[in-house]
Structure formats: structure tokens, C-alpha cells
């Protein structure tokens, strides 16, 4: 949570601008830079935990950025018709009275 702010229930990857390693009070931390100039600090209990969080956040951030870049391309493409596969088409169904 940011300094002096109420707890936030959800932080989306779209809001994150960068994930950086920093040091605060002689402890390694992760600094999340958020839209609007906000910054959040994640403090980990151990170095392996910090490395894992950093990797996971950077991978998720990279994937989110790739998805955001693809959205405008997908938005303009015509969509294929939706087919419900659980129902057999009427012409293939047998009738009860043999017609």
C-alpha cells in the first residue's frame, strides 16, 4: 500500500508502469511504479522470495503488455459465428415418429 493511503483491494497489471528492484532501510525491495505517479513497495522476508516475486511480476507485466498491444488488432477483426457444439443440428436428429 502506498504511504498514507487506504488499502486497495485490487491492483491490475494495466496500472503498473514498471517493476524495479530498490533498497529501503538496508532491505532489498520491489518498487512498483503505478499510473498517476503512485509507487508501491513490496518488502520480502528473504532474498529467494524477492527473486521469485521479481520474476513473477516482471513475467506477468510483460505478458499483460503484449496482450494490451494485441487488443486493438483483435478489436477490428470480424468475429466468427458462435456455434454451440453441445446440440446436434436439426437435420441430424432422429424424430420419434420416424419422419
PDB file of N, CA and C in Angstrom:
ATOM      1  N   UNK A   1       0.831  -1.169   0.000  1.00  0.00           N
ATOM      2  CA  UNK A   1       0.000   0.000   0.000  1.00  0.00           C
ATOM      3  C   UNK A   1       0.877   1.234   0.000  1.00  0.00           C
ATOM      4  N   UNK A   2       0.406   2.255  -0.650  1.00  0.00           N
ATOM      5  CA  UNK A   2       1.167   3.498  -0.733  1.00  0.00           C
ATOM      6  C   UNK A   2       1.141   4.231   0.595  1.00  0.00           C
ATOM      7  N   UNK A   3       2.095   5.078   0.813  1.00  0.00           N
ATOM      8  CA  UNK A   3       2.211   5.831   2.051  1.00  0.00           C
ATOM      9  C   UNK A   3       0.975   6.702   2.264  1.00  0.00           C
ATOM     10  N   UNK A   4       0.313   6.548   3.403  1.00  0.00           N
ATOM     11  CA  UNK A   4      -0.821   7.382   3.747  1.00  0.00           C
ATOM     12  C   UNK A   4      -2.090   7.085   2.971  1.00  0.00           C
ATOM     13  N   UNK A   5      -2.161   5.967   2.291  1.00  0.00           N
ATOM     14  CA  UNK A   5      -3.346   5.640   1.505  1.00  0.00           C
ATOM     15  C   UNK A   5      -4.119   4.508   2.158  1.00  0.00           C
ATOM     16  N   UNK A   6      -5.417   4.479   1.875  1.00  0.00           N
ATOM     17  CA  UNK A   6      -6.244   3.368   2.346  1.00  0.00           C
ATOM     18  C   UNK A   6      -5.860   2.115   1.570  1.00  0.00           C
ATOM     19  N   UNK A   7      -6.025   0.947   2.155  1.00  0.00           N
ATOM     20  CA  UNK A   7      -5.689  -0.287   1.441  1.00  0.00           C
ATOM     21  C   UNK A   7      -6.524  -0.427   0.165  1.00  0.00           C
ATOM     22  N   UNK A   8      -5.900  -0.931  -0.865  1.00  0.00           N
ATOM     23  CA  UNK A   8      -6.580  -1.137  -2.139  1.00  0.00           C
ATOM     24  C   UNK A   8      -6.784  -2.630  -2.318  1.00  0.00           C
ATOM     25  N   UNK A   9      -7.976  -3.017  -2.736  1.00  0.00           N
ATOM     26  CA  UNK A   9      -8.266  -4.439  -2.822  1.00  0.00           C
ATOM     27  C   UNK A   9      -7.686  -5.083  -4.069  1.00  0.00           C
ATOM     28  N   UNK A  10      -7.480  -4.295  -5.135  1.00  0.00           N
ATOM     29  CA  UNK A  10      -7.002  -4.887  -6.375  1.00  0.00           C
ATOM     30  C   UNK A  10      -6.132  -3.899  -7.136  1.00  0.00           C
ATOM     31  N   UNK A  11      -4.999  -4.372  -7.595  1.00  0.00           N
ATOM     32  CA  UNK A  11      -4.106  -3.587  -8.435  1.00  0.00           C
ATOM     33  C   UNK A  11      -3.934  -4.368  -9.722  1.00  0.00           C
ATOM     34  N   UNK A  12      -4.393  -3.810 -10.834  1.00  0.00           N
ATOM     35  CA  UNK A  12      -4.316  -4.540 -12.100  1.00  0.00           C
ATOM     36  C   UNK A  12      -2.973  -4.314 -12.774  1.00  0.00           C
ATOM     37  N   UNK A  13      -2.597  -5.251 -13.633  1.00  0.00           N
ATOM     38  CA  UNK A  13      -1.330  -5.140 -14.350  1.00  0.00           C
ATOM     39  C   UNK A  13      -1.351  -3.946 -15.300  1.00  0.00           C
ATOM     40  N   UNK A  14      -2.529  -3.522 -15.737  1.00  0.00           N
ATOM     41  CA  UNK A  14      -2.627  -2.359 -16.622  1.00  0.00           C
ATOM     42  C   UNK A  14      -2.170  -1.087 -15.922  1.00  0.00           C
ATOM     43  N   UNK A  15      -2.310  -1.036 -14.597  1.00  0.00           N
ATOM     44  CA  UNK A  15      -1.936   0.149 -13.837  1.00  0.00           C
ATOM     45  C   UNK A  15      -0.429   0.244 -13.600  1.00  0.00           C
ATOM     46  N   UNK A  16       0.268  -0.882 -13.655  1.00  0.00           N
ATOM     47  CA  UNK A  16       1.704  -0.910 -13.362  1.00  0.00           C
ATOM     48  C   UNK A  16       2.492  -0.436 -14.576  1.00  0.00           C
ATOM     49  N   UNK A  17       3.387   0.523 -14.344  1.00  0.00           N
ATOM     50  CA  UNK A  17       4.236   1.033 -15.420  1.00  0.00           C
ATOM     51  C   UNK A  17       5.610   0.386 -15.409  1.00  0.00           C
ATOM     52  N   UNK A  18       6.099   0.006 -14.226  1.00  0.00           N
ATOM     53  CA  UNK A  18       7.394  -0.675 -14.159  1.00  0.00           C
ATOM     54  C   UNK A  18       7.547  -1.403 -12.827  1.00  0.00           C
ATOM     55  N   UNK A  19       8.437  -2.393 -12.839  1.00  0.00           N
ATOM     56  CA  UNK A  19       8.790  -3.159 -11.642  1.00  0.00           C
ATOM     57  C   UNK A  19      10.305  -3.069 -11.512  1.00  0.00           C
ATOM     58  N   UNK A  20      10.775  -2.476 -10.412  1.00  0.00           N
ATOM     59  CA  UNK A  20      12.208  -2.259 -10.232  1.00  0.00           C
ATOM     60  C   UNK A  20      12.644  -2.753  -8.858  1.00  0.00           C
ATOM     61  N   UNK A  21      13.897  -3.167  -8.789  1.00  0.00           N
ATOM     62  CA  UNK A  21      14.467  -3.552  -7.500  1.00  0.00           C
ATOM     63  C   UNK A  21      15.078  -2.308  -6.878  1.00  0.00           C
ATOM     64  N   UNK A  22      14.852  -2.127  -5.580  1.00  0.00           N
ATOM     65  CA  UNK A  22      15.397  -0.973  -4.879  1.00  0.00           C
ATOM     66  C   UNK A  22      15.793  -1.404  -3.465  1.00  0.00           C
ATOM     67  N   UNK A  23      16.357  -0.486  -2.702  1.00  0.00           N
ATOM     68  CA  UNK A  23      16.752  -0.794  -1.332  1.00  0.00           C
ATOM     69  C   UNK A  23      16.200   0.289  -0.422  1.00  0.00           C
ATOM     70  N   UNK A  24      15.497  -0.135   0.621  1.00  0.00           N
ATOM     71  CA  UNK A  24      14.934   0.791   1.598  1.00  0.00           C
ATOM     72  C   UNK A  24      15.336   0.296   2.979  1.00  0.00           C
ATOM     73  N   UNK A  25      15.983   1.174   3.735  1.00  0.00           N
ATOM     74  CA  UNK A  25      16.459   0.831   5.082  1.00  0.00           C
ATOM     75  C   UNK A  25      17.259  -0.471   5.076  1.00  0.00           C
ATOM     76  N   UNK A  26      18.207  -0.559   4.164  1.00  0.00           N
ATOM     77  CA  UNK A  26      19.126  -1.693   4.032  1.00  0.00           C
ATOM     78  C   UNK A  26      18.434  -3.014   3.701  1.00  0.00           C
ATOM     79  N   UNK A  27      17.210  -2.951   3.196  1.00  0.00           N
ATOM     80  CA  UNK A  27      16.495  -4.162   2.769  1.00  0.00           C
ATOM     81  C   UNK A  27      16.159  -4.039   1.295  1.00  0.00           C
ATOM     82  N   UNK A  28      16.395  -5.124   0.566  1.00  0.00           N
ATOM     83  CA  UNK A  28      16.032  -5.135  -0.845  1.00  0.00           C
ATOM     84  C   UNK A  28      14.514  -5.214  -0.954  1.00  0.00           C
ATOM     85  N   UNK A  29      13.965  -4.413  -1.867  1.00  0.00           N
ATOM     86  CA  UNK A  29      12.519  -4.348  -2.061  1.00  0.00           C
ATOM     87  C   UNK A  29      12.213  -4.250  -3.548  1.00  0.00           C
ATOM     88  N   UNK A  30      10.953  -4.420  -3.884  1.00  0.00           N
ATOM     89  CA  UNK A  30      10.495  -4.200  -5.247  1.00  0.00           C
ATOM     90  C   UNK A  30       9.645  -2.946  -5.259  1.00  0.00           C
ATOM     91  N   UNK A  31       9.941  -2.080  -6.210  1.00  0.00           N
ATOM     92  CA  UNK A  31       9.214  -0.829  -6.362  1.00  0.00           C
ATOM     93  C   UNK A  31       8.307  -0.949  -7.578  1.00  0.00           C
ATOM     94  N   UNK A  32       7.004  -0.821  -7.351  1.00  0.00           N
ATOM     95  CA  UNK A  32       6.035  -0.844  -8.442  1.00  0.00           C
ATOM     96  C   UNK A  32       5.627   0.590  -8.731  1.00  0.00           C
ATOM     97  N   UNK A  33       5.934   1.054  -9.929  1.00  0.00           N
ATOM     98  CA  UNK A  33       5.522   2.394 -10.328  1.00  0.00           C
ATOM     99  C   UNK A  33       4.172   2.273 -11.027  1.00  0.00           C
ATOM    100  N   UNK A  34       3.206   3.043 -10.531  1.00  0.00           N
ATOM    101  CA  UNK A  34       1.820   2.949 -10.956  1.00  0.00           C
ATOM    102  C   UNK A  34       1.430   4.228 -11.694  1.00  0.00           C
ATOM    103  N   UNK A  35       0.428   4.108 -12.561  1.00  0.00           N
ATOM    104  CA  UNK A  35      -0.101   5.290 -13.251  1.00  0.00           C
ATOM    105  C   UNK A  35      -0.457   6.371 -12.241  1.00  0.00           C
ATOM    106  N   UNK A  36      -0.312   7.605 -12.649  1.00  0.00           N
ATOM    107  CA  UNK A  36      -0.651   8.717 -11.775  1.00  0.00           C
ATOM    108  C   UNK A  36       0.468   9.086 -10.825  1.00  0.00           C
ATOM    109  N   UNK A  37       1.662   8.526 -11.034  1.00  0.00           N
ATOM    110  CA  UNK A  37       2.807   8.871 -10.206  1.00  0.00           C
ATOM    111  C   UNK A  37       2.878   8.140  -8.871  1.00  0.00           C
ATOM    112  N   UNK A  38       1.968   7.225  -8.625  1.00  0.00           N
ATOM    113  CA  UNK A  38       1.995   6.478  -7.362  1.00  0.00           C
ATOM    114  C   UNK A  38       3.085   5.416  -7.406  1.00  0.00           C
ATOM    115  N   UNK A  39       3.553   5.046  -6.223  1.00  0.00           N
ATOM    116  CA  UNK A  39       4.551   3.987  -6.107  1.00  0.00           C
ATOM    117  C   UNK A  39       4.169   3.075  -4.952  1.00  0.00           C
ATOM    118  N   UNK A  40       4.365   1.792  -5.157  1.00  0.00           N
ATOM    119  CA  UNK A  40       4.119   0.809  -4.114  1.00  0.00           C
ATOM    120  C   UNK A  40       5.403   0.024  -3.896  1.00  0.00           C
ATOM    121  N   UNK A  41       5.673  -0.314  -2.649  1.00  0.00           N
ATOM    122  CA  UNK A  41       6.881  -1.060  -2.309  1.00  0.00           C
ATOM    123  C   UNK A  41       6.476  -2.420  -1.751  1.00  0.00           C
ATOM    124  N   UNK A  42       7.082  -3.471  -2.298  1.00  0.00           N
ATOM    125  CA  UNK A  42       6.905  -4.823  -1.772  1.00  0.00           C
ATOM    126  C   UNK A  42       8.175  -5.203  -1.040  1.00  0.00           C
ATOM    127  N   UNK A  43       8.040  -5.490   0.237  1.00  0.00           N
ATOM    128  CA  UNK A  43       9.182  -5.886   1.042  1.00  0.00           C
ATOM    129  C   UNK A  43       9.097  -7.386   1.282  1.00  0.00           C
ATOM    130  N   UNK A  44      10.156  -8.093   0.982  1.00  0.00           N
ATOM    131  CA  UNK A  44      10.171  -9.549   1.127  1.00  0.00           C
ATOM    132  C   UNK A  44      11.009  -9.952   2.339  1.00  0.00           C
ATOM    133  N   UNK A  45      10.680 -11.118   2.880  1.00  0.00           N
ATOM    134  CA  UNK A  45      11.384 -11.601   4.069  1.00  0.00           C
ATOM    135  C   UNK A  45      12.750 -12.203   3.767  1.00  0.00           C
ATOM    136  N   UNK A  46      12.957 -12.663   2.522  1.00  0.00           N
ATOM    137  CA  UNK A  46      14.228 -13.312   2.179  1.00  0.00           C
ATOM    138  C   UNK A  46      14.605 -12.993   0.734  1.00  0.00           C
ATOM    139  N   UNK A  47      15.874 -13.200   0.409  1.00  0.00           N
ATOM    140  CA  UNK A  47      16.336 -12.964  -0.961  1.00  0.00           C
ATOM    141  C   UNK A  47      15.671 -13.903  -1.970  1.00  0.00           C
ATOM    142  N   UNK A  48      15.534 -15.205  -1.657  1.00  0.00           N
ATOM    143  CA  UNK A  48      14.853 -16.080  -2.626  1.00  0.00           C
ATOM    144  C   UNK A  48      13.408 -15.631  -2.894  1.00  0.00           C
ATOM    145  N   UNK A  49      12.737 -15.161  -1.857  1.00  0.00           N
ATOM    146  CA  UNK A  49      11.367 -14.669  -2.024  1.00  0.00           C
ATOM    147  C   UNK A  49      11.352 -13.425  -2.914  1.00  0.00           C
ATOM    148  N   UNK A  50      12.316 -12.533  -2.717  1.00  0.00           N
ATOM    149  CA  UNK A  50      12.423 -11.326  -3.540  1.00  0.00           C
ATOM    150  C   UNK A  50      12.660 -11.688  -5.001  1.00  0.00           C
ATOM    151  N   UNK A  51      13.569 -12.615  -5.245  1.00  0.00           N
ATOM    152  CA  UNK A  51      13.878 -13.044  -6.609  1.00  0.00           C
ATOM    153  C   UNK A  51      12.638 -13.643  -7.269  1.00  0.00           C
ATOM    154  N   UNK A  52      11.899 -14.466  -6.529  1.00  0.00           N
ATOM    155  CA  UNK A  52      10.695 -15.097  -7.076  1.00  0.00           C
ATOM    156  C   UNK A  52       9.612 -14.060  -7.390  1.00  0.00           C
ATOM    157  N   UNK A  53       9.370 -13.137  -6.458  1.00  0.00           N
ATOM    158  CA  UNK A  53       8.377 -12.082  -6.689  1.00  0.00           C
ATOM    159  C   UNK A  53       8.762 -11.241  -7.901  1.00  0.00           C
ATOM    160  N   UNK A  54      10.047 -10.888  -7.986  1.00  0.00           N
ATOM    161  CA  UNK A  54      10.521 -10.056  -9.099  1.00  0.00           C
ATOM    162  C   UNK A  54      10.294 -10.762 -10.430  1.00  0.00           C
ATOM    163  N   UNK A  55      10.641 -12.036 -10.490  1.00  0.00           N
ATOM    164  CA  UNK A  55      10.463 -12.810 -11.719  1.00  0.00           C
ATOM    165  C   UNK A  55       8.984 -12.903 -12.087  1.00  0.00           C
ATOM    166  N   UNK A  56       8.148 -13.267 -11.115  1.00  0.00           N
ATOM    167  CA  UNK A  56       6.711 -13.429 -11.371  1.00  0.00           C
ATOM    168  C   UNK A  56       6.073 -12.114 -11.824  1.00  0.00           C
ATOM    169  N   UNK A  57       6.399 -11.028 -11.157  1.00  0.00           N
ATOM    170  CA  UNK A  57       5.817  -9.730 -11.517  1.00  0.00           C
ATOM    171  C   UNK A  57       6.278  -9.261 -12.888  1.00  0.00           C
ATOM    172  N   UNK A  58       7.566  -9.415 -13.169  1.00  0.00           N
ATOM    173  CA  UNK A  58       8.069  -8.992 -14.485  1.00  0.00           C
ATOM    174  C   UNK A  58       7.477  -9.833 -15.611  1.00  0.00           C
ATOM    175  N   UNK A  59       7.366 -11.143 -15.398  1.00  0.00           N
ATOM    176  CA  UNK A  59       6.762 -12.012 -16.418  1.00  0.00           C
ATOM    177  C   UNK A  59       5.300 -11.637 -16.654  1.00  0.00           C
ATOM    178  N   UNK A  60       4.559 -11.437 -15.565  1.00  0.00           N
ATOM    179  CA  UNK A  60       3.146 -11.065 -15.687  1.00  0.00           C
ATOM    180  C   UNK A  60       3.002  -9.697 -16.346  1.00  0.00           C
ATOM    181  N   UNK A  61       3.882  -8.759 -15.993  1.00  0.00           N
ATOM    182  CA  UNK A  61       3.854  -7.424 -16.589  1.00  0.00           C
ATOM    183  C   UNK A  61       4.105  -7.508 -18.095  1.00  0.00           C
ATOM    184  N   UNK A  62       5.102  -8.285 -18.483  1.00  0.00           N
ATOM    185  CA  UNK A  62       5.445  -8.447 -19.898  1.00  0.00           C
ATOM    186  C   UNK A  62       4.266  -9.058 -20.672  1.00  0.00           C
ATOM    187  N   UNK A  63       3.652 -10.098 -20.110  1.00  0.00           N
ATOM    188  CA  UNK A  63       2.506 -10.739 -20.762  1.00  0.00           C
ATOM    189  C   UNK A  63       1.325  -9.779 -20.883  1.00  0.00           C
ATOM    190  N   UNK A  64       1.076  -9.000 -19.836  1.00  0.00           N
ATOM    191  CA  UNK A  64      -0.028  -8.033 -19.866  1.00  0.00           C
ATOM    192  C   UNK A  64       0.212  -6.983 -20.944  1.00  0.00           C
ATOM    193  N   UNK A  65       1.455  -6.516 -21.079  1.00  0.00           N
ATOM    194  CA  UNK A  65       1.771  -5.524 -22.106  1.00  0.00           C
ATOM    195  C   UNK A  65       1.561  -6.098 -23.501  1.00  0.00           C
ATOM    196  N   UNK A  66       1.934  -7.349 -23.700  1.00  0.00           N
ATOM    197  CA  UNK A  66       1.736  -7.987 -25.007  1.00  0.00           C
ATOM    198  C   UNK A  66       0.254  -8.119 -25.324  1.00  0.00           C
ATOM    199  N   UNK A  67      -0.553  -8.477 -24.329  1.00  0.00           N
ATOM    200  CA  UNK A  67      -1.996  -8.594 -24.542  1.00  0.00           C
ATOM    201  C   UNK A  67      -2.619  -7.242 -24.870  1.00  0.00           C
ATOM    202  N   UNK A  68      -2.201  -6.208 -24.164  1.00  0.00           N
ATOM    203  CA  UNK A  68      -2.735  -4.866 -24.410  1.00  0.00           C
ATOM    204  C   UNK A  68      -2.392  -4.409 -25.823  1.00  0.00           C
ATOM    205  N   UNK A  69      -1.213  -4.745 -26.307  1.00  0.00           N
ATOM    206  CA  UNK A  69      -0.822  -4.357 -27.666  1.00  0.00           C
ATOM    207  C   UNK A  69      -1.634  -5.097 -28.711  1.00  0.00           C
ATOM    208  N   UNK A  70      -2.055  -6.330 -28.409  1.00  0.00           N
ATOM    209  CA  UNK A  70      -2.823  -7.130 -29.365  1.00  0.00           C
ATOM    210  C   UNK A  70      -4.295  -6.747 -29.416  1.00  0.00           C
ATOM    211  N   UNK A  71      -4.834  -6.168 -28.357  1.00  0.00           N
ATOM    212  CA  UNK A  71      -6.265  -5.877 -28.280  1.00  0.00           C
ATOM    213  C   UNK A  71      -6.761  -5.017 -29.434  1.00  0.00           C
ATOM    214  N   UNK A  72      -6.114  -3.909 -29.796  1.00  0.00           N
ATOM    215  CA  UNK A  72      -6.633  -3.120 -30.920  1.00  0.00           C
ATOM    216  C   UNK A  72      -6.685  -3.919 -32.217  1.00  0.00           C
ATOM    217  N   UNK A  73      -5.734  -4.817 -32.426  1.00  0.00           N
ATOM    218  CA  UNK A  73      -5.727  -5.637 -33.631  1.00  0.00           C
ATOM    219  C   UNK A  73      -6.915  -6.589 -33.622  1.00  0.00           C
ATOM    220  N   UNK A  74      -7.191  -7.195 -32.487  1.00  0.00           N
ATOM    221  CA  UNK A  74      -8.293  -8.140 -32.373  1.00  0.00           C
ATOM    222  C   UNK A  74      -9.640  -7.425 -32.449  1.00  0.00           C
ATOM    223  N   UNK A  75      -9.699  -6.211 -31.972  1.00  0.00           N
ATOM    224  CA  UNK A  75     -10.936  -5.445 -31.920  1.00  0.00           C
ATOM    225  C   UNK A  75     -11.503  -5.198 -33.314  1.00  0.00           C
ATOM    226  N   UNK A  76     -10.655  -5.006 -34.312  1.00  0.00           N
ATOM    227  CA  UNK A  76     -11.092  -4.680 -35.662  1.00  0.00           C
ATOM    228  C   UNK A  76     -11.353  -5.900 -36.534  1.00  0.00           C
ATOM    229  N   UNK A  77     -10.994  -7.092 -36.074  1.00  0.00           N
ATOM    230  CA  UNK A  77     -11.194  -8.300 -36.874  1.00  0.00           C
ATOM    231  C   UNK A  77     -12.647  -8.747 -36.778  1.00  0.00           C
ATOM    232  N   UNK A  78     -13.207  -9.216 -37.912  1.00  0.00           N
ATOM    233  CA  UNK A  78     -14.576  -9.746 -37.831  1.00  0.00           C
ATOM    234  C   UNK A  78     -14.581 -11.030 -37.014  1.00  0.00           C
ATOM    235  N   UNK A  79     -15.620 -11.200 -36.253  1.00  0.00           N
ATOM    236  CA  UNK A  79     -15.711 -12.384 -35.395  1.00  0.00           C
ATOM    237  C   UNK A  79     -16.410 -13.510 -36.126  1.00  0.00           C
ATOM    238  N   UNK A  80     -15.978 -14.713 -35.857  1.00  0.00           N
ATOM    239  CA  UNK A  80     -16.626 -15.873 -36.462  1.00  0.00           C
ATOM    240  C   UNK A  80     -17.923 -16.152 -35.705  1.00  0.00           C
ATOM    241  N   UNK A  81     -18.900 -16.739 -36.371  1.00  0.00           N
ATOM    242  CA  UNK A  81     -20.159 -17.025 -35.678  1.00  0.00           C
ATOM    243  C   UNK A  81     -19.946 -18.046 -34.566  1.00  0.00           C
ATOM    244  N   UNK A  82     -20.700 -17.897 -33.517  1.00  0.00           N
ATOM    245  CA  UNK A  82     -20.600 -18.805 -32.379  1.00  0.00           C
ATOM    246  C   UNK A  82     -21.446 -20.036 -32.677  1.00  0.00           C
ATOM    247  N   UNK A  83     -20.855 -21.184 -32.484  1.00  0.00           N
ATOM    248  CA  UNK A  83     -21.555 -22.440 -32.733  1.00  0.00           C
ATOM    249  C   UNK A  83     -21.637 -23.202 -31.424  1.00  0.00           C
ATOM    250  N   UNK A  84     -22.833 -23.607 -31.068  1.00  0.00           N
ATOM    251  CA  UNK A  84     -22.994 -24.388 -29.846  1.00  0.00           C
ATOM    252  C   UNK A  84     -22.819 -25.853 -30.204  1.00  0.00           C
ATOM    253  N   UNK A  85     -21.737 -26.436 -29.734  1.00  0.00           N
ATOM    254  CA  UNK A  85     -21.387 -27.801 -30.114  1.00  0.00           C
ATOM    255  C   UNK A  85     -22.140 -28.865 -29.319  1.00  0.00           C
ATOM    256  N   UNK A  86     -22.772 -28.475 -28.236  1.00  0.00           N
ATOM    257  CA  UNK A  86     -23.444 -29.479 -27.413  1.00  0.00           C
ATOM    258  C   UNK A  86     -24.758 -29.953 -28.032  1.00  0.00           C
ATOM    259  N   UNK A  87     -25.310 -29.199 -28.976  1.00  0.00           N
ATOM    260  CA  UNK A  87     -26.574 -29.579 -29.610  1.00  0.00           C
ATOM    261  C   UNK A  87     -26.323 -30.087 -31.021  1.00  0.00           C
ATOM    262  N   UNK A  88     -26.960 -31.170 -31.371  1.00  0.00           N
ATOM    263  CA  UNK A  88     -26.848 -31.739 -32.715  1.00  0.00           C
ATOM    264  C   UNK A  88     -27.772 -30.943 -33.631  1.00  0.00           C
ATOM    265  N   UNK A  89     -27.320 -30.555 -34.850  1.00  0.00           N
ATOM    266  CA  UNK A  89     -28.188 -29.814 -35.767  1.00  0.00           C
ATOM    267  C   UNK A  89     -29.474 -30.582 -36.036  1.00  0.00           C
ATOM    268  N   UNK A  90     -30.555 -29.849 -36.304  1.00  0.00           N
ATOM    269  CA  UNK A  90     -31.875 -30.453 -36.511  1.00  0.00           C
ATOM    270  C   UNK A  90     -31.880 -31.501 -37.613  1.00  0.00           C
ATOM    271  N   UNK A  91     -31.136 -31.288 -38.688  1.00  0.00           N
ATOM    272  CA  UNK A  91     -31.161 -32.236 -39.802  1.00  0.00           C
ATOM    273  C   UNK A  91     -30.527 -33.570 -39.433  1.00  0.00           C
ATOM    274  N   UNK A  92     -29.710 -33.601 -38.376  1.00  0.00           N
ATOM    275  CA  UNK A  92     -29.067 -34.850 -37.974  1.00  0.00           C
ATOM    276  C   UNK A  92     -29.829 -35.573 -36.869  1.00  0.00           C
ATOM    277  N   UNK A  93     -30.834 -34.939 -36.299  1.00  0.00           N
ATOM    278  CA  UNK A  93     -31.584 -35.556 -35.211  1.00  0.00           C
ATOM    279  C   UNK A  93     -32.618 -36.532 -35.764  1.00  0.00           C
ATOM    280  N   UNK A  94     -32.774 -37.639 -35.128  1.00  0.00           N
ATOM    281  CA  UNK A  94     -33.830 -38.589 -35.492  1.00  0.00           C
ATOM    282  C   UNK A  94     -35.134 -38.172 -34.842  1.00  0.00           C
ATOM    283  N   UNK A  95     -36.233 -38.328 -35.527  1.00  0.00           N
ATOM    284  CA  UNK A  95     -37.510 -37.967 -34.925  1.00  0.00           C
ATOM    285  C   UNK A  95     -38.126 -39.187 -34.258  1.00  0.00           C
ATOM    286  N   UNK A  96     -38.986 -38.935 -33.303  1.00  0.00           N
ATOM    287  CA  UNK A  96     -39.611 -40.021 -32.540  1.00  0.00           C
ATOM    288  C   UNK A  96     -40.632 -40.790 -33.376  1.00  0.00           C
ATOM    289  N   UNK A  97     -41.263 -40.111 -34.346  1.00  0.00           N
ATOM    290  CA  UNK A  97     -42.297 -40.795 -35.117  1.00  0.00           C
ATOM    291  C   UNK A  97     -41.793 -41.279 -36.476  1.00  0.00           C
ATOM    292  N   UNK A  98     -40.482 -41.231 -36.714  1.00  0.00           N
ATOM    293  CA  UNK A  98     -39.900 -41.768 -37.940  1.00  0.00           C
ATOM    294  C   UNK A  98     -39.992 -40.869 -39.149  1.00  0.00           C
ATOM    295  N   UNK A  99     -40.413 -39.631 -39.012  1.00  0.00           N
ATOM    296  CA  UNK A  99     -40.497 -38.701 -40.148  1.00  0.00           C
ATOM    297  C   UNK A  99     -39.203 -38.005 -40.396  1.00  0.00           C
TER     298      UNK A  99
END
